[in-house]
C-alpha cells in the first residue's frame, strides 16, 4: 500500500474502516464506510486490504488444549439480596444512574422547598437522628459508587479490553511463526 495515500486518511477513519473490515461495526457504520469507499479510490483500496487481512486472520483455526487441566473450579456460593442489589448497580448502570439522578433531585427539591417544611412536633433529637441516618445513607451510596468504580477499572477493563488485545497479539504471533516456517522452504525450492 502506498504510504502517501494512507497518510491522507485520518486515524479515526482508519479505525472505522478496520472495524468494518473485521465485521465489528454497526450496520449504519458499515453503510457509511461503504458509501465513502464508493466515492474514494484510496478508501476502497484500504478497505479491501483490511478485509483480506481480516479474512486471513479469521481463517486461522483455533487450537484446543488436549492435556489435563490442572485448574480447579471454584464452587459458586449462594447469592444474597445484597449481591443481587450489587449486580443491579453494576450490571445495569442505567438503573443506578436513574436512581442517583432521582436521589439528587429529591435532595435538591427538599432543600429549595425548605421554607414550606415545618418542624413543629419534631424534637431536636429526632432531627439530629434523621440527619445522622441521611449521612449514613449517603456513605453507603458512596461505598457502592467506589465499588462500582473498582469493578469497572479492574474487571471490565481486564475482561473487555486486555483479553481481546491479548488474543490479537497471539494471532499476530501465530502469523509471524507461520511466515518464518514458510521462508526456509521457499529458499530451498529456489536453490534447487
Protein backbone atom coordinates (compact mmCIF):
# COMPACT_ATOMS: atom_id res chain seq x y z
CA UNK A 1 0.00 0.00 0.00
CA UNK A 2 1.22 3.48 -0.79
CA UNK A 3 2.19 5.39 2.38
CA UNK A 4 1.21 8.78 0.97
CA UNK A 5 -2.32 7.60 0.20
CA UNK A 6 -2.86 6.17 3.69
CA UNK A 7 -1.47 9.28 5.40
CA UNK A 8 -4.25 11.38 3.84
CA UNK A 9 -6.86 9.27 5.64
CA UNK A 10 -7.37 10.24 9.27
CA UNK A 11 -6.60 7.80 12.04
CA UNK A 12 -10.22 7.84 13.20
CA UNK A 13 -11.43 6.95 9.70
CA UNK A 14 -8.86 4.15 9.52
CA UNK A 15 -10.16 2.75 12.81
CA UNK A 16 -13.71 2.85 11.45
CA UNK A 17 -12.56 1.11 8.23
CA UNK A 18 -10.81 -1.60 10.27
CA UNK A 19 -13.92 -2.22 12.36
CA UNK A 20 -15.98 -2.58 9.16
CA UNK A 21 -13.40 -4.91 7.62
CA UNK A 22 -13.33 -7.16 10.68
CA UNK A 23 -17.13 -7.15 10.95
CA UNK A 24 -17.42 -5.46 14.35
CA UNK A 25 -19.06 -2.24 13.13
CA UNK A 26 -22.74 -1.46 13.29
CA UNK A 27 -24.98 -1.62 10.24
CA UNK A 28 -25.03 2.17 9.89
CA UNK A 29 -21.25 2.40 10.21
CA UNK A 30 -20.81 -0.27 7.50
CA UNK A 31 -23.14 1.66 5.26
CA UNK A 32 -21.26 4.94 5.80
CA UNK A 33 -17.85 3.38 5.12
CA UNK A 34 -19.08 1.56 2.01
CA UNK A 35 -20.52 4.85 0.76
CA UNK A 36 -17.17 6.57 1.35
CA UNK A 37 -15.38 3.67 -0.37
CA UNK A 38 -17.57 4.05 -3.44
CA UNK A 39 -16.57 7.73 -3.65
CA UNK A 40 -12.84 7.42 -2.85
CA UNK A 41 -10.44 5.01 -4.50
CA UNK A 42 -7.93 5.26 -1.62
CA UNK A 43 -10.57 4.34 0.95
CA UNK A 44 -11.80 1.47 -1.23
CA UNK A 45 -8.27 0.07 -1.60
CA UNK A 46 -7.66 0.41 2.13
CA UNK A 47 -10.98 -1.30 2.95
CA UNK A 48 -10.23 -4.17 0.56
CA UNK A 49 -6.75 -4.59 2.03
CA UNK A 50 -8.12 -4.72 5.59
CA UNK A 51 -10.86 -7.15 4.52
CA UNK A 52 -8.30 -9.52 3.01
CA UNK A 53 -6.22 -9.30 6.19
CA UNK A 54 -9.34 -9.94 8.28
CA UNK A 55 -10.19 -12.98 6.16
CA UNK A 56 -6.66 -14.32 6.67
CA UNK A 57 -6.89 -13.76 10.43
CA UNK A 58 -10.34 -15.36 10.68
CA UNK A 59 -9.16 -18.37 8.66
CA UNK A 60 -6.60 -19.32 11.32
CA UNK A 61 -8.05 -22.31 13.18
CA UNK A 62 -8.36 -22.16 16.94
CA UNK A 63 -6.33 -24.76 18.74
CA UNK A 64 -7.80 -26.73 21.61
CA UNK A 65 -5.73 -27.84 24.58
CA UNK A 66 -5.62 -31.65 24.68
CA UNK A 67 -3.80 -32.09 28.03
CA UNK A 68 -5.22 -32.46 31.51
CA UNK A 69 -6.49 -29.31 33.20
CA UNK A 70 -4.71 -28.50 36.44
CA UNK A 71 -7.01 -25.65 37.41
CA UNK A 72 -9.73 -26.49 39.89
CA UNK A 73 -13.06 -24.79 39.60
CA UNK A 74 -14.30 -22.69 42.48
CA UNK A 75 -17.81 -23.61 43.62
CA UNK A 76 -20.33 -20.82 43.45
CA UNK A 77 -21.71 -19.55 46.71
CA UNK A 78 -25.35 -18.77 47.27
CA UNK A 79 -26.23 -15.20 46.37
CA UNK A 80 -27.72 -12.94 48.98
CA UNK A 81 -30.02 -9.99 48.45
CA UNK A 82 -27.01 -7.67 48.73
CA UNK A 83 -25.31 -9.49 45.85
CA UNK A 84 -28.41 -9.05 43.71
CA UNK A 85 -28.61 -5.33 44.52
CA UNK A 86 -24.92 -5.01 43.75
CA UNK A 87 -25.42 -6.80 40.42
CA UNK A 88 -28.25 -4.42 39.53
CA UNK A 89 -25.96 -1.46 40.20
CA UNK A 90 -23.06 -2.93 38.22
CA UNK A 91 -24.91 -4.85 35.52
CA UNK A 92 -27.42 -2.13 34.79
CA UNK A 93 -25.69 1.24 35.01
CA UNK A 94 -28.73 2.97 33.53
CA UNK A 95 -30.81 1.92 36.55
CA UNK A 96 -28.19 3.11 39.01
CA UNK A 97 -27.75 6.38 37.11
CA UNK A 98 -31.51 6.98 37.12
CA UNK A 99 -31.67 6.22 40.85
CA UNK A 100 -28.80 8.62 41.50
CA UNK A 101 -30.43 11.39 39.49
CA UNK A 102 -33.71 10.79 41.31
CA UNK A 103 -31.95 10.94 44.68
CA UNK A 104 -30.13 14.16 43.79
CA UNK A 105 -33.37 15.67 42.51
CA UNK A 106 -35.20 14.73 45.71
CA UNK A 107 -32.47 16.19 47.92
CA UNK A 108 -32.28 19.38 45.85
CA UNK A 109 -36.05 19.74 45.80
CA UNK A 110 -36.27 19.29 49.54
CA UNK A 111 -33.57 21.92 50.12
CA UNK A 112 -35.26 24.52 47.92
CA UNK A 113 -38.68 23.90 49.42
CA UNK A 114 -37.33 24.06 52.94
CA UNK A 115 -39.48 27.10 53.75
CA UNK A 116 -42.66 25.07 53.31
CA UNK A 117 -41.49 22.38 55.72
CA UNK A 118 -42.25 22.90 59.35
CA UNK A 119 -40.61 21.15 62.20
CA UNK A 120 -43.49 21.53 64.63
CA UNK A 121 -43.76 18.49 66.75
CA UNK A 122 -40.21 17.28 65.95
CA UNK A 123 -37.70 17.40 68.73
CA UNK A 124 -34.06 18.36 68.21
CA UNK A 125 -33.04 14.78 68.94
CA UNK A 126 -35.32 13.44 66.19
CA UNK A 127 -33.93 15.92 63.70
CA UNK A 128 -30.36 15.01 64.66
CA UNK A 129 -31.18 11.31 64.34
CA UNK A 130 -32.68 11.86 60.87
CA UNK A 131 -29.60 13.89 59.90
CA UNK A 132 -27.32 11.07 61.08
CA UNK A 133 -29.34 8.47 59.17
CA UNK A 134 -29.19 10.52 55.98
CA UNK A 135 -25.41 10.85 56.35
CA UNK A 136 -25.15 7.09 56.80
CA UNK A 137 -27.27 6.52 53.70
CA UNK A 138 -25.02 8.83 51.69
CA UNK A 139 -21.95 6.98 52.99
CA UNK A 140 -23.48 3.70 51.79
CA UNK A 141 -24.12 5.23 48.36
CA UNK A 142 -20.51 6.47 48.30
CA UNK A 143 -19.23 2.97 49.10
CA UNK A 144 -21.38 1.49 46.33
CA UNK A 145 -20.04 4.00 43.82
CA UNK A 146 -16.47 3.28 44.93
CA UNK A 147 -17.05 -0.46 44.44
CA UNK A 148 -18.62 0.26 41.05
CA UNK A 149 -15.57 2.26 40.00
CA UNK A 150 -13.23 -0.50 41.13
CA UNK A 151 -15.35 -3.09 39.30
CA UNK A 152 -15.21 -1.06 36.10
CA UNK A 153 -11.48 -0.41 36.25
CA UNK A 154 -10.44 -3.87 37.38
CA UNK A 155 -12.86 -6.38 35.87
CA UNK A 156 -14.34 -4.73 32.79
CA UNK A 157 -11.08 -3.25 31.54
CA UNK A 158 -9.31 -6.56 32.08
CA UNK A 159 -12.05 -8.72 30.50
CA UNK A 160 -13.26 -6.44 27.72
CA UNK A 161 -10.06 -4.64 26.74
CA UNK A 162 -6.95 -6.57 27.63
CA UNK A 163 -8.31 -10.03 26.74
CA UNK A 164 -9.13 -9.10 23.08
CA UNK A 165 -5.75 -7.35 22.79
CA UNK A 166 -4.02 -10.49 24.07
CA UNK A 167 -5.92 -12.65 21.57
CA UNK A 168 -4.95 -10.25 18.78
CA UNK A 169 -1.30 -10.37 19.78
CA UNK A 170 -1.44 -14.17 19.86
CA UNK A 171 -2.90 -14.15 16.34
CA UNK A 172 -0.12 -11.85 15.11
CA UNK A 173 2.50 -14.10 16.72
CA UNK A 174 0.97 -17.15 15.02
CA UNK A 175 1.11 -15.36 11.67
CA UNK A 176 4.78 -14.47 12.19
CA UNK A 177 5.61 -18.03 13.21
CA UNK A 178 3.80 -19.41 10.16
CA UNK A 179 5.66 -16.93 7.93
CA UNK A 180 9.03 -17.97 9.41
CA UNK A 181 8.20 -21.63 8.80
CA UNK A 182 7.36 -20.88 5.16
CA UNK A 183 10.57 -18.88 4.47
CA UNK A 184 13.12 -21.77 4.69
CA UNK A 185 11.06 -23.96 2.37
CA UNK A 186 10.94 -21.14 -0.19
CA UNK A 187 14.74 -20.72 -0.02
CA UNK A 188 15.27 -24.47 -0.56
CA UNK A 189 12.96 -24.55 -3.56
CA UNK A 190 14.78 -21.57 -5.13
CA UNK A 191 18.20 -23.15 -4.68
CA UNK A 192 17.12 -26.39 -6.40
